[in-house]
Amino acid sequence: GVVGGAVVFALLASAVHADALRRLVLQPAAGRTPLALLVASFALAIVVQEYVRLAQDAGDRLLPTLPGRTHVLARAGEFVVAVTDFQIALVSGAGVVLGALVWGMGRGRFGRCWRAMAEDPQMAALCGVSKTRLWAICFALAATLAGLAGVVVLLRFGLANAFMGAMLGFKALTAAVVGGIGRIQGAILGAVVIGGLETYWAAYFDMAWRDVAVFALLAATLVLRPQGLVGIAERPDRVVRP
């Protein structure tokens, strides 16, 4: 019951903060240039991190992880491949959330409106799609999923601090770029690729260079295939002019 209440509170707090940031900073910046929105996003990441540090101090908060059984899947000498009950529940829950998100964006009314606004904002507005309302839902949904991810990390590792989201955020951006920005399936594929790379690197190479390998993959993707693995290359006839 306590864990469930904490999860609900975390999701609501994330959504409320995201809506405030949208109203105060991001939506006004979006009316200017793409560069202004990008700069505002990076600035907000720093501001939010400092806000959390000042509100909750910079020390680590330690919590007990959830108990559960460990199941051995394979064994080769001293090398053991095992999975816990929490990991099984995590993968199952992630599959349900991602499936619902993909279905909603592909077939739901909100998904159709979102895609219409991304494709042609002027025509979508003429058809009755409210840009302000769409922004509000997008930020609330994104913040709720981010809050859920934070809860999962806390329950998995039992540690939280003001700086834990920085590297995770950069890796999430890396996964989106590698998979293909603009497509949920691309983000999922990118996350699988990044997760597989980190696991493989940790098993066979020096852990100190794991993050370097991840960002090297990001650099290679930007150079060799900027649209990502399943992204769609932008064509001049698809660019929406103001």
C-alpha atoms as a PDB file:
ATOM      1  CA  GLY A   1       0.000   0.000   0.000  1.00  0.00           C
ATOM      2  CA  VAL A   2       2.814   2.417   0.857  1.00  0.00           C
ATOM      3  CA  VAL A   3       4.637   1.639  -2.394  1.00  0.00           C
ATOM      4  CA  GLY A   4       1.452   2.096  -4.418  1.00  0.00           C
ATOM      5  CA  GLY A   5       0.713   5.438  -2.768  1.00  0.00           C
ATOM      6  CA  ALA A   6       4.297   6.590  -3.399  1.00  0.00           C
ATOM      7  CA  VAL A   7       4.020   5.611  -7.063  1.00  0.00           C
ATOM      8  CA  VAL A   8       0.775   7.561  -7.518  1.00  0.00           C
ATOM      9  CA  PHE A   9       2.247  10.598  -5.771  1.00  0.00           C
ATOM     10  CA  ALA A  10       5.378  10.464  -7.956  1.00  0.00           C
ATOM     11  CA  LEU A  11       3.319  10.317 -11.152  1.00  0.00           C
ATOM     12  CA  LEU A  12       1.081  13.210 -10.089  1.00  0.00           C
ATOM     13  CA  ALA A  13       4.055  15.324  -8.979  1.00  0.00           C
ATOM     14  CA  SER A  14       5.784  14.705 -12.319  1.00  0.00           C
ATOM     15  CA  ALA A  15       2.693  15.685 -14.295  1.00  0.00           C
ATOM     16  CA  VAL A  16       2.108  18.874 -12.258  1.00  0.00           C
ATOM     17  CA  HIS A  17       5.725  20.020 -12.589  1.00  0.00           C
ATOM     18  CA  ALA A  18       5.753  19.285 -16.308  1.00  0.00           C
ATOM     19  CA  ASP A  19       2.587  21.314 -16.868  1.00  0.00           C
ATOM     20  CA  ALA A  20       4.081  24.269 -14.990  1.00  0.00           C
ATOM     21  CA  LEU A  21       7.278  24.122 -17.051  1.00  0.00           C
ATOM     22  CA  ARG A  22       5.248  23.892 -20.233  1.00  0.00           C
ATOM     23  CA  ARG A  23       3.220  26.977 -19.400  1.00  0.00           C
ATOM     24  CA  LEU A  24       6.130  29.090 -18.160  1.00  0.00           C
ATOM     25  CA  VAL A  25       8.950  28.188 -20.534  1.00  0.00           C
ATOM     26  CA  LEU A  26       8.518  25.600 -23.268  1.00  0.00           C
ATOM     27  CA  GLN A  27       5.289  26.684 -24.911  1.00  0.00           C
ATOM     28  CA  PRO A  28       6.400  30.345 -25.235  1.00  0.00           C
ATOM     29  CA  ALA A  29       9.777  29.176 -26.608  1.00  0.00           C
ATOM     30  CA  ALA A  30       8.060  26.891 -29.133  1.00  0.00           C
ATOM     31  CA  GLY A  31       6.514  29.938 -30.795  1.00  0.00           C
ATOM     32  CA  ARG A  32       9.945  31.240 -31.726  1.00  0.00           C
ATOM     33  CA  THR A  33      12.588  29.042 -33.368  1.00  0.00           C
ATOM     34  CA  PRO A  34      13.538  25.352 -33.029  1.00  0.00           C
ATOM     35  CA  LEU A  35      16.903  26.452 -31.615  1.00  0.00           C
ATOM     36  CA  ALA A  36      15.172  28.452 -28.878  1.00  0.00           C
ATOM     37  CA  LEU A  37      13.159  25.392 -27.855  1.00  0.00           C
ATOM     38  CA  LEU A  38      16.290  23.225 -27.816  1.00  0.00           C
ATOM     39  CA  VAL A  39      18.219  25.721 -25.675  1.00  0.00           C
ATOM     40  CA  ALA A  40      15.238  26.107 -23.341  1.00  0.00           C
ATOM     41  CA  SER A  41      15.012  22.313 -22.927  1.00  0.00           C
ATOM     42  CA  PHE A  42      18.674  21.956 -21.954  1.00  0.00           C
ATOM     43  CA  ALA A  43      18.427  24.949 -19.618  1.00  0.00           C
ATOM     44  CA  LEU A  44      15.361  23.464 -17.944  1.00  0.00           C
ATOM     45  CA  ALA A  45      17.175  20.174 -17.384  1.00  0.00           C
ATOM     46  CA  ILE A  46      19.843  22.041 -15.416  1.00  0.00           C
ATOM     47  CA  VAL A  47      17.302  24.177 -13.551  1.00  0.00           C
ATOM     48  CA  VAL A  48      15.178  21.179 -12.534  1.00  0.00           C
ATOM     49  CA  GLN A  49      18.250  19.311 -11.306  1.00  0.00           C
ATOM     50  CA  GLU A  50      19.279  22.278  -9.160  1.00  0.00           C
ATOM     51  CA  TYR A  51      15.698  22.706  -7.954  1.00  0.00           C
ATOM     52  CA  VAL A  52      15.657  19.111  -6.729  1.00  0.00           C
ATOM     53  CA  ARG A  53      19.086  19.529  -5.141  1.00  0.00           C
ATOM     54  CA  LEU A  54      18.015  22.620  -3.218  1.00  0.00           C
ATOM     55  CA  ALA A  55      14.650  21.158  -2.225  1.00  0.00           C
ATOM     56  CA  GLN A  56      15.931  17.763  -1.078  1.00  0.00           C
ATOM     57  CA  ASP A  57      19.734  18.319  -0.664  1.00  0.00           C
ATOM     58  CA  ALA A  58      22.423  16.611  -2.721  1.00  0.00           C
ATOM     59  CA  GLY A  59      22.838  13.511  -0.562  1.00  0.00           C
ATOM     60  CA  ASP A  60      21.790  10.014  -1.459  1.00  0.00           C
ATOM     61  CA  ARG A  61      18.442   8.691  -0.258  1.00  0.00           C
ATOM     62  CA  LEU A  62      18.660   4.969   0.446  1.00  0.00           C
ATOM     63  CA  LEU A  63      15.612   2.742   0.488  1.00  0.00           C
ATOM     64  CA  PRO A  64      15.266  -1.034   0.775  1.00  0.00           C
ATOM     65  CA  THR A  65      14.724  -2.764  -2.544  1.00  0.00           C
ATOM     66  CA  LEU A  66      11.745  -5.012  -3.060  1.00  0.00           C
ATOM     67  CA  PRO A  67      12.330  -8.581  -1.886  1.00  0.00           C
ATOM     68  CA  GLY A  68      11.883 -11.407  -4.343  1.00  0.00           C
ATOM     69  CA  ARG A  69      13.191 -14.736  -5.506  1.00  0.00           C
ATOM     70  CA  THR A  70      16.073 -15.190  -7.932  1.00  0.00           C
ATOM     71  CA  HIS A  71      15.691 -17.676 -10.785  1.00  0.00           C
ATOM     72  CA  VAL A  72      18.819 -19.099 -12.424  1.00  0.00           C
ATOM     73  CA  LEU A  73      18.412 -19.324 -16.200  1.00  0.00           C
ATOM     74  CA  ALA A  74      21.859 -20.606 -17.193  1.00  0.00           C
ATOM     75  CA  ARG A  75      25.146 -21.451 -15.560  1.00  0.00           C
ATOM     76  CA  ALA A  76      28.657 -21.930 -16.952  1.00  0.00           C
ATOM     77  CA  GLY A  77      31.158 -22.422 -14.168  1.00  0.00           C
ATOM     78  CA  GLU A  78      31.149 -19.292 -12.035  1.00  0.00           C
ATOM     79  CA  PHE A  79      29.191 -17.322 -14.654  1.00  0.00           C
ATOM     80  CA  VAL A  80      25.499 -17.345 -13.775  1.00  0.00           C
ATOM     81  CA  VAL A  81      22.600 -15.819 -15.706  1.00  0.00           C
ATOM     82  CA  ALA A  82      19.717 -15.122 -13.344  1.00  0.00           C
ATOM     83  CA  VAL A  83      16.517 -13.116 -13.233  1.00  0.00           C
ATOM     84  CA  THR A  84      14.562 -11.870 -10.225  1.00  0.00           C
ATOM     85  CA  ASP A  85      10.828 -11.620  -9.669  1.00  0.00           C
ATOM     86  CA  PHE A  86      11.109  -7.823  -9.841  1.00  0.00           C
ATOM     87  CA  GLN A  87      12.826  -7.975 -13.227  1.00  0.00           C
ATOM     88  CA  ILE A  88      10.131 -10.288 -14.575  1.00  0.00           C
ATOM     89  CA  ALA A  89       7.418  -7.933 -13.323  1.00  0.00           C
ATOM     90  CA  LEU A  90       9.323  -4.950 -14.740  1.00  0.00           C
ATOM     91  CA  VAL A  91       9.616  -6.434 -18.224  1.00  0.00           C
ATOM     92  CA  SER A  92       5.960  -7.497 -18.195  1.00  0.00           C
ATOM     93  CA  GLY A  93       4.783  -4.078 -17.001  1.00  0.00           C
ATOM     94  CA  ALA A  94       6.966  -2.284 -19.533  1.00  0.00           C
ATOM     95  CA  GLY A  95       5.503  -4.424 -22.301  1.00  0.00           C
ATOM     96  CA  VAL A  96       1.956  -3.514 -21.267  1.00  0.00           C
ATOM     97  CA  VAL A  97       2.737   0.224 -21.024  1.00  0.00           C
ATOM     98  CA  LEU A  98       4.584   0.304 -24.348  1.00  0.00           C
ATOM     99  CA  GLY A  99       1.877  -1.708 -26.058  1.00  0.00           C
ATOM    100  CA  ALA A 100      -0.797   0.688 -24.813  1.00  0.00           C
ATOM    101  CA  LEU A 101       1.287   3.675 -25.890  1.00  0.00           C
ATOM    102  CA  VAL A 102       1.899   2.313 -29.388  1.00  0.00           C
ATOM    103  CA  TRP A 103      -1.777   1.439 -29.796  1.00  0.00           C
ATOM    104  CA  GLY A 104      -2.922   4.823 -28.504  1.00  0.00           C
ATOM    105  CA  MET A 105      -0.582   6.786 -30.760  1.00  0.00           C
ATOM    106  CA  GLY A 106      -1.440   4.655 -33.775  1.00  0.00           C
ATOM    107  CA  ARG A 107      -5.202   4.223 -33.395  1.00  0.00           C
ATOM    108  CA  GLY A 108      -6.409   6.515 -30.624  1.00  0.00           C
ATOM    109  CA  ARG A 109      -7.898   9.959 -31.162  1.00  0.00           C
ATOM    110  CA  PHE A 110      -5.055  11.646 -29.309  1.00  0.00           C
ATOM    111  CA  GLY A 111      -2.476   9.850 -31.466  1.00  0.00           C
ATOM    112  CA  ARG A 112      -4.195  10.956 -34.664  1.00  0.00           C
ATOM    113  CA  CYS A 113      -4.327  14.550 -33.461  1.00  0.00           C
ATOM    114  CA  TRP A 114      -0.687  14.432 -32.397  1.00  0.00           C
ATOM    115  CA  ARG A 115       0.442  13.117 -35.772  1.00  0.00           C
ATOM    116  CA  ALA A 116      -1.701  15.638 -37.621  1.00  0.00           C
ATOM    117  CA  MET A 117      -0.213  18.513 -35.620  1.00  0.00           C
ATOM    118  CA  ALA A 118       3.317  17.235 -36.265  1.00  0.00           C
ATOM    119  CA  GLU A 119       2.646  16.859 -39.994  1.00  0.00           C
ATOM    120  CA  ASP A 120       0.821  20.132 -40.675  1.00  0.00           C
ATOM    121  CA  PRO A 121       0.079  22.413 -37.690  1.00  0.00           C
ATOM    122  CA  GLN A 122      -1.934  24.935 -39.709  1.00  0.00           C
ATOM    123  CA  MET A 123      -4.251  22.372 -41.269  1.00  0.00           C
ATOM    124  CA  ALA A 124      -4.664  20.526 -37.954  1.00  0.00           C
ATOM    125  CA  ALA A 125      -5.681  23.791 -36.276  1.00  0.00           C
ATOM    126  CA  LEU A 126      -8.198  24.484 -39.052  1.00  0.00           C
ATOM    127  CA  CYS A 127      -9.670  21.023 -38.431  1.00  0.00           C
ATOM    128  CA  GLY A 128     -10.268  21.865 -34.782  1.00  0.00           C
ATOM    129  CA  VAL A 129      -7.165  20.404 -33.104  1.00  0.00           C
ATOM    130  CA  SER A 130      -6.189  22.559 -30.133  1.00  0.00           C
ATOM    131  CA  LYS A 131      -2.419  22.977 -30.025  1.00  0.00           C
ATOM    132  CA  THR A 132      -2.478  24.147 -26.396  1.00  0.00           C
ATOM    133  CA  ARG A 133      -4.551  21.182 -25.238  1.00  0.00           C
ATOM    134  CA  LEU A 134      -2.399  18.780 -27.253  1.00  0.00           C
ATOM    135  CA  TRP A 135       0.754  20.204 -25.687  1.00  0.00           C
ATOM    136  CA  ALA A 136      -0.735  19.832 -22.221  1.00  0.00           C
ATOM    137  CA  ILE A 137      -1.603  16.164 -22.787  1.00  0.00           C
ATOM    138  CA  CYS A 138       1.802  15.431 -24.350  1.00  0.00           C
ATOM    139  CA  PHE A 139       3.707  16.915 -21.432  1.00  0.00           C
ATOM    140  CA  ALA A 140       1.492  15.259 -18.839  1.00  0.00           C
ATOM    141  CA  LEU A 141       1.911  11.879 -20.550  1.00  0.00           C
ATOM    142  CA  ALA A 142       5.676  12.267 -20.977  1.00  0.00           C
ATOM    143  CA  ALA A 143       6.142  13.414 -17.380  1.00  0.00           C
ATOM    144  CA  THR A 144       4.009  10.558 -16.046  1.00  0.00           C
ATOM    145  CA  LEU A 145       6.107   8.013 -17.935  1.00  0.00           C
ATOM    146  CA  ALA A 146       9.304   9.711 -16.722  1.00  0.00           C
ATOM    147  CA  GLY A 147       8.023   9.598 -13.149  1.00  0.00           C
ATOM    148  CA  LEU A 148       7.187   5.919 -13.561  1.00  0.00           C
ATOM    149  CA  ALA A 149      10.723   5.269 -14.843  1.00  0.00           C
ATOM    150  CA  GLY A 150      12.148   7.066 -11.806  1.00  0.00           C
ATOM    151  CA  VAL A 151      10.078   4.927  -9.465  1.00  0.00           C
ATOM    152  CA  VAL A 152      11.277   1.765 -11.208  1.00  0.00           C
ATOM    153  CA  VAL A 153      14.930   2.840 -10.904  1.00  0.00           C
ATOM    154  CA  LEU A 154      14.449   3.620  -7.217  1.00  0.00           C
ATOM    155  CA  LEU A 155      12.781   0.282  -6.494  1.00  0.00           C
ATOM    156  CA  ARG A 156      15.436  -1.567  -8.486  1.00  0.00           C
ATOM    157  CA  PHE A 157      18.574   0.025  -7.027  1.00  0.00           C
ATOM    158  CA  GLY A 158      17.301   1.488  -3.749  1.00  0.00           C
ATOM    159  CA  LEU A 159      19.054   4.811  -4.241  1.00  0.00           C
ATOM    160  CA  ALA A 160      17.894   8.272  -5.291  1.00  0.00           C
ATOM    161  CA  ASN A 161      19.603  11.649  -5.531  1.00  0.00           C
ATOM    162  CA  ALA A 162      19.273  14.916  -7.394  1.00  0.00           C
ATOM    163  CA  PHE A 163      21.711  13.915 -10.129  1.00  0.00           C
ATOM    164  CA  MET A 164      20.510  10.426 -11.002  1.00  0.00           C
ATOM    165  CA  GLY A 165      18.379  11.584 -13.926  1.00  0.00           C
ATOM    166  CA  ALA A 166      21.118  13.337 -15.905  1.00  0.00           C
ATOM    167  CA  MET A 167      22.859  10.279 -17.348  1.00  0.00           C
ATOM    168  CA  LEU A 168      19.566   8.405 -17.717  1.00  0.00           C
ATOM    169  CA  GLY A 169      18.166  11.358 -19.675  1.00  0.00           C
ATOM    170  CA  PHE A 170      21.130  11.459 -22.017  1.00  0.00           C
ATOM    171  CA  LYS A 171      20.870   7.726 -22.608  1.00  0.00           C
ATOM    172  CA  ALA A 172      17.146   8.029 -23.290  1.00  0.00           C
ATOM    173  CA  LEU A 173      17.927  10.704 -25.882  1.00  0.00           C
ATOM    174  CA  THR A 174      20.606   8.415 -27.330  1.00  0.00           C
ATOM    175  CA  ALA A 175      18.093   5.570 -27.601  1.00  0.00           C
ATOM    176  CA  ALA A 176      15.612   7.859 -29.386  1.00  0.00           C
ATOM    177  CA  VAL A 177      18.264   9.060 -31.856  1.00  0.00           C
ATOM    178  CA  VAL A 178      19.626   5.560 -32.529  1.00  0.00           C
ATOM    179  CA  GLY A 179      16.154   4.112 -33.056  1.00  0.00           C
ATOM    180  CA  GLY A 180      14.733   7.075 -34.944  1.00  0.00           C
ATOM    181  CA  ILE A 181      13.318  10.264 -33.463  1.00  0.00           C
ATOM    182  CA  GLY A 182       9.643  10.750 -34.164  1.00  0.00           C
ATOM    183  CA  ARG A 183       8.633   7.094 -33.985  1.00  0.00           C
ATOM    184  CA  ILE A 184       7.761   5.257 -30.786  1.00  0.00           C
ATOM    185  CA  GLN A 185       8.836   1.954 -32.307  1.00  0.00           C
ATOM    186  CA  GLY A 186      12.222   3.535 -33.021  1.00  0.00           C
ATOM    187  CA  ALA A 187      12.609   4.648 -29.408  1.00  0.00           C
ATOM    188  CA  ILE A 188      11.773   1.117 -28.213  1.00  0.00           C
ATOM    189  CA  LEU A 189      14.266  -0.424 -30.649  1.00  0.00           C
ATOM    190  CA  GLY A 190      16.915   2.107 -29.647  1.00  0.00           C
ATOM    191  CA  ALA A 191      16.383   1.293 -25.965  1.00  0.00           C
ATOM    192  CA  VAL A 192      16.819  -2.421 -26.687  1.00  0.00           C
ATOM    193  CA  VAL A 193      20.022  -1.712 -28.643  1.00  0.00           C
ATOM    194  CA  ILE A 194      21.462   0.516 -25.902  1.00  0.00           C
ATOM    195  CA  GLY A 195      20.507  -1.970 -23.185  1.00  0.00           C
ATOM    196  CA  GLY A 196      22.048  -4.849 -25.131  1.00  0.00           C
ATOM    197  CA  LEU A 197      25.228  -2.874 -25.772  1.00  0.00           C
ATOM    198  CA  GLU A 198      25.618  -1.976 -22.091  1.00  0.00           C
ATOM    199  CA  THR A 199      25.010  -5.551 -20.976  1.00  0.00           C
ATOM    200  CA  TYR A 200      27.437  -6.998 -23.526  1.00  0.00           C
ATOM    201  CA  TRP A 201      30.092  -4.404 -22.697  1.00  0.00           C
ATOM    202  CA  ALA A 202      29.773  -5.037 -18.956  1.00  0.00           C
ATOM    203  CA  ALA A 203      30.230  -8.768 -19.530  1.00  0.00           C
ATOM    204  CA  TYR A 204      33.315  -8.643 -21.763  1.00  0.00           C
ATOM    205  CA  PHE A 205      35.006  -5.236 -21.429  1.00  0.00           C
ATOM    206  CA  ASP A 206      36.045  -2.649 -18.873  1.00  0.00           C
ATOM    207  CA  MET A 207      33.010  -1.101 -17.164  1.00  0.00           C
ATOM    208  CA  ALA A 208      34.771   2.287 -17.024  1.00  0.00           C
ATOM    209  CA  TRP A 209      34.359   2.616 -20.807  1.00  0.00           C
ATOM    210  CA  ARG A 210      30.730   1.496 -21.029  1.00  0.00           C
ATOM    211  CA  ASP A 211      29.239   4.994 -21.265  1.00  0.00           C
ATOM    212  CA  VAL A 212      31.909   5.960 -23.798  1.00  0.00           C
ATOM    213  CA  ALA A 213      30.778   3.064 -25.995  1.00  0.00           C
ATOM    214  CA  VAL A 214      27.144   4.197 -25.763  1.00  0.00           C
ATOM    215  CA  PHE A 215      27.887   7.771 -26.788  1.00  0.00           C
ATOM    216  CA  ALA A 216      30.257   6.556 -29.502  1.00  0.00           C
ATOM    217  CA  LEU A 217      27.265   4.704 -30.945  1.00  0.00           C
ATOM    218  CA  LEU A 218      25.304   7.972 -30.790  1.00  0.00           C
ATOM    219  CA  ALA A 219      28.057   9.817 -32.690  1.00  0.00           C
ATOM    220  CA  ALA A 220      28.252   7.065 -35.304  1.00  0.00           C
ATOM    221  CA  THR A 221      24.477   7.138 -35.786  1.00  0.00           C
ATOM    222  CA  LEU A 222      24.424  10.916 -36.260  1.00  0.00           C
ATOM    223  CA  VAL A 223      27.180  10.649 -38.876  1.00  0.00           C
ATOM    224  CA  LEU A 224      26.151   7.508 -40.759  1.00  0.00           C
ATOM    225  CA  ARG A 225      22.361   7.402 -40.378  1.00  0.00           C
ATOM    226  CA  PRO A 226      20.944  10.614 -38.881  1.00  0.00           C
ATOM    227  CA  GLN A 227      17.353   9.390 -39.176  1.00  0.00           C
ATOM    228  CA  GLY A 228      18.091   6.384 -36.954  1.00  0.00           C
ATOM    229  CA  LEU A 229      17.508   2.688 -37.545  1.00  0.00           C
ATOM    230  CA  VAL A 230      13.809   2.899 -38.427  1.00  0.00           C
ATOM    231  CA  GLY A 231      13.408   6.650 -38.842  1.00  0.00           C
ATOM    232  CA  ILE A 232      12.238   8.268 -42.033  1.00  0.00           C
ATOM    233  CA  ALA A 233      14.631  10.601 -43.802  1.00  0.00           C
ATOM    234  CA  GLU A 234      13.138  14.069 -44.139  1.00  0.00           C
ATOM    235  CA  ARG A 235      12.205  14.996 -47.688  1.00  0.00           C
ATOM    236  CA  PRO A 236      11.952  18.584 -48.902  1.00  0.00           C
ATOM    237  CA  ASP A 237       8.301  18.104 -49.896  1.00  0.00           C
ATOM    238  CA  ARG A 238       7.423  17.051 -46.312  1.00  0.00           C
ATOM    239  CA  VAL A 239       8.826  20.140 -44.657  1.00  0.00           C
ATOM    240  CA  VAL A 240       6.036  22.347 -43.311  1.00  0.00           C
ATOM    241  CA  ARG A 241       6.582  26.014 -44.094  1.00  0.00           C
ATOM    242  CA  PRO A 242       5.186  28.715 -41.798  1.00  0.00           C
END
